[in-house]
Amino acid sequence: MPLQSVPMDDLDDPVGASEIATRLGVQRPTVHKWRQRGLLPTAEYESVNGARAWRWSTILRWAGDSDRITDAKLVAEYRKLVKA
């Protein structure tokens, strides 16, 4: 699955399971398993289009901190976020 790089300006975009999967290059069921297992951070939005959502910056930091990023562009975005 191709990864979707996100400009740093969009770090506060709300993202749900589909967007997380697309941006991290994983299958959507993987994101749901992370949530069911309590691995994802607490959702910051209870309902965006009827589903829980997070700020992209929260997910990017979580994914980087937990070594779930393999794409070089996302690693670079994560490093910029951590330094900010």
C-alpha atoms as a PDB file:
ATOM      1  CA  MET A   1       0.000   0.000   0.000  1.00  0.00           C
ATOM      2  CA  PRO A   2       1.543   3.363  -0.975  1.00  0.00           C
ATOM      3  CA  LEU A   3       2.248   5.778   1.833  1.00  0.00           C
ATOM      4  CA  GLN A   4       0.761   9.228   1.884  1.00  0.00           C
ATOM      5  CA  SER A   5       3.169  11.928   2.968  1.00  0.00           C
ATOM      6  CA  VAL A   6       1.528  14.753   4.869  1.00  0.00           C
ATOM      7  CA  PRO A   7       2.812  18.326   4.854  1.00  0.00           C
ATOM      8  CA  MET A   8       3.851  19.521   8.296  1.00  0.00           C
ATOM      9  CA  ASP A   9       1.102  22.195   8.065  1.00  0.00           C
ATOM     10  CA  ASP A  10      -1.480  19.402   8.314  1.00  0.00           C
ATOM     11  CA  LEU A  11      -0.283  17.973  11.639  1.00  0.00           C
ATOM     12  CA  ASP A  12      -3.505  18.977  13.403  1.00  0.00           C
ATOM     13  CA  ASP A  13      -5.766  17.339  10.813  1.00  0.00           C
ATOM     14  CA  PRO A  14      -8.187  14.905  12.444  1.00  0.00           C
ATOM     15  CA  VAL A  15      -7.582  11.366  11.195  1.00  0.00           C
ATOM     16  CA  GLY A  16      -9.605   8.204  11.627  1.00  0.00           C
ATOM     17  CA  ALA A  17      -8.679   4.585  11.053  1.00  0.00           C
ATOM     18  CA  SER A  18      -8.763   4.882   7.248  1.00  0.00           C
ATOM     19  CA  GLU A  19      -6.493   7.925   7.157  1.00  0.00           C
ATOM     20  CA  ILE A  20      -4.111   6.424   9.692  1.00  0.00           C
ATOM     21  CA  ALA A  21      -3.864   3.246   7.623  1.00  0.00           C
ATOM     22  CA  THR A  22      -3.267   5.199   4.420  1.00  0.00           C
ATOM     23  CA  ARG A  23      -0.695   7.541   5.917  1.00  0.00           C
ATOM     24  CA  LEU A  24       1.236   4.792   7.734  1.00  0.00           C
ATOM     25  CA  GLY A  25       0.980   2.294   4.878  1.00  0.00           C
ATOM     26  CA  VAL A  26      -0.832  -0.429   6.827  1.00  0.00           C
ATOM     27  CA  GLN A  27      -4.153  -2.175   6.362  1.00  0.00           C
ATOM     28  CA  ARG A  28      -7.206  -0.667   8.061  1.00  0.00           C
ATOM     29  CA  PRO A  29      -7.790  -3.814  10.191  1.00  0.00           C
ATOM     30  CA  THR A  30      -4.302  -3.285  11.640  1.00  0.00           C
ATOM     31  CA  VAL A  31      -5.346   0.125  12.948  1.00  0.00           C
ATOM     32  CA  HIS A  32      -8.492  -1.379  14.462  1.00  0.00           C
ATOM     33  CA  LYS A  33      -6.408  -4.092  16.164  1.00  0.00           C
ATOM     34  CA  TRP A  34      -4.080  -1.445  17.612  1.00  0.00           C
ATOM     35  CA  ARG A  35      -7.109   0.370  19.028  1.00  0.00           C
ATOM     36  CA  GLN A  36      -8.715  -2.823  20.381  1.00  0.00           C
ATOM     37  CA  ARG A  37      -5.456  -3.806  22.071  1.00  0.00           C
ATOM     38  CA  GLY A  38      -5.140  -0.379  23.688  1.00  0.00           C
ATOM     39  CA  LEU A  39      -2.013   0.509  21.744  1.00  0.00           C
ATOM     40  CA  LEU A  40      -3.264   3.733  20.144  1.00  0.00           C
ATOM     41  CA  PRO A  41      -3.330   6.941  22.157  1.00  0.00           C
ATOM     42  CA  THR A  42      -6.676   8.117  23.489  1.00  0.00           C
ATOM     43  CA  ALA A  43      -8.791   9.578  20.678  1.00  0.00           C
ATOM     44  CA  GLU A  44      -8.963  13.365  20.804  1.00  0.00           C
ATOM     45  CA  TYR A  45     -12.284  13.512  18.993  1.00  0.00           C
ATOM     46  CA  GLU A  46     -15.167  11.288  20.050  1.00  0.00           C
ATOM     47  CA  SER A  47     -16.953  11.617  16.740  1.00  0.00           C
ATOM     48  CA  VAL A  48     -15.732  12.789  13.357  1.00  0.00           C
ATOM     49  CA  ASN A  49     -18.104  11.448  10.741  1.00  0.00           C
ATOM     50  CA  GLY A  50     -19.395   9.048  13.369  1.00  0.00           C
ATOM     51  CA  ALA A  51     -16.041   7.574  14.395  1.00  0.00           C
ATOM     52  CA  ARG A  52     -13.225   8.320  16.813  1.00  0.00           C
ATOM     53  CA  ALA A  53     -10.391  10.450  15.494  1.00  0.00           C
ATOM     54  CA  TRP A  54      -6.956  11.718  16.465  1.00  0.00           C
ATOM     55  CA  ARG A  55      -4.762  14.637  15.477  1.00  0.00           C
ATOM     56  CA  TRP A  56      -2.274  13.480  12.870  1.00  0.00           C
ATOM     57  CA  SER A  57       0.554  14.847  15.040  1.00  0.00           C
ATOM     58  CA  THR A  58      -0.538  12.555  17.890  1.00  0.00           C
ATOM     59  CA  ILE A  59      -0.545   9.499  15.633  1.00  0.00           C
ATOM     60  CA  LEU A  60       2.758  10.446  13.986  1.00  0.00           C
ATOM     61  CA  ARG A  61       4.430  10.868  17.383  1.00  0.00           C
ATOM     62  CA  TRP A  62       2.935   7.573  18.627  1.00  0.00           C
ATOM     63  CA  ALA A  63       3.999   5.712  15.482  1.00  0.00           C
ATOM     64  CA  GLY A  64       7.524   7.116  15.671  1.00  0.00           C
ATOM     65  CA  ASP A  65       7.885   6.508  19.399  1.00  0.00           C
ATOM     66  CA  SER A  66       6.726   2.905  18.963  1.00  0.00           C
ATOM     67  CA  ASP A  67       8.890   2.207  15.876  1.00  0.00           C
ATOM     68  CA  ARG A  68       5.930   1.753  13.547  1.00  0.00           C
ATOM     69  CA  ILE A  69       7.257   4.093  10.847  1.00  0.00           C
ATOM     70  CA  THR A  70       9.286   2.574   8.037  1.00  0.00           C
ATOM     71  CA  ASP A  71       8.904   5.203   5.323  1.00  0.00           C
ATOM     72  CA  ALA A  72      11.836   7.634   5.118  1.00  0.00           C
ATOM     73  CA  LYS A  73       9.591  10.665   4.515  1.00  0.00           C
ATOM     74  CA  LEU A  74       7.483   9.895   7.556  1.00  0.00           C
ATOM     75  CA  VAL A  75      10.603   9.306   9.646  1.00  0.00           C
ATOM     76  CA  ALA A  76      11.806  12.773   8.614  1.00  0.00           C
ATOM     77  CA  GLU A  77       8.410  14.305   9.498  1.00  0.00           C
ATOM     78  CA  TYR A  78       8.476  12.513  12.843  1.00  0.00           C
ATOM     79  CA  ARG A  79      11.966  13.842  13.607  1.00  0.00           C
ATOM     80  CA  LYS A  80      10.839  17.389  12.766  1.00  0.00           C
ATOM     81  CA  LEU A  81       7.821  16.966  15.042  1.00  0.00           C
ATOM     82  CA  VAL A  82       9.916  15.665  17.929  1.00  0.00           C
ATOM     83  CA  LYS A  83      12.371  18.559  17.600  1.00  0.00           C
ATOM     84  CA  ALA A  84       9.541  21.131  17.495  1.00  0.00           C
END
